[in-house]
Amino acid sequence: MEQLGQNIFQFLHHYGYFVMLPLMIIEGPIVTVIAAMLASLGAFNVFLVLLFSILGDVIGDVALYALGYRFGMGFVRHVGKYIGITEKLVLRMQEYFKKYGGKTIFAVKSTTGLCWATFTAAGIVKMDFKKFLKNSVYGGIVWSGFLVAMGYFYGYLWRDIKQYIQWVGWIIFVVAAISIFIITLYKNRQAKRMFKGENGEK
């Protein structure tokens, strides 16, 4: 992850806003934190970084919803195994939609690592698109806001400390990468807890 982060850092710094949104659609959390760090250092406008992060997040959600809507379980059977989506998981998500409706989208986006399965399942069950989009945007604001704040903070540390220790910037960068990794593990753990007890299984 550290090497990936460094490559994205160099790529973003060189190409700027032109590639920011596409990268955020593909790998939102890492790109958002790095872009926010660069914004803190004066390379970008932090509010544009936040806007692009939310847009990238929502565009990715809508794409998954559309795939589920168009291809149904066929998408899960043929492609799901490559991205961690199983029929069993999608069926469980459908049960959550029945119980909690659109709130499931917001909750999953903010607290768990089941976004791929959740948004695909939302399309498969043909959830009302307006409800889906509204909760995706709300969840995106919370999640992207957190990531931008974290990246901006690390960038602030980098900017203020580097005048005393030349190489401290890379230490902070590694800490940022580790933070993203820990958050990802936490979200995955929350995802498992979310389904613990469903049908007596994890």
Foldseek 3Di string as FASTA:
>chain_A
DLVVLVVLLVVCLVPPPVCLLVVCLVPNLSSLLSVLLVVLVPSDPLVVSLVSNLVSQLVNLVVLLVCLQVQNCNCCVPPVVVVVAHPVLLVVLVVVCVVPNLVSLLCLLQAADCSNSNSSSCNNVVRPVVSNSVSSSVSSSNVSVVSSVNSSVLSNCCVVCCVPPVPVNSVSSVVNVVVVVVSNVRRHVVVLVVCPPPVNHD
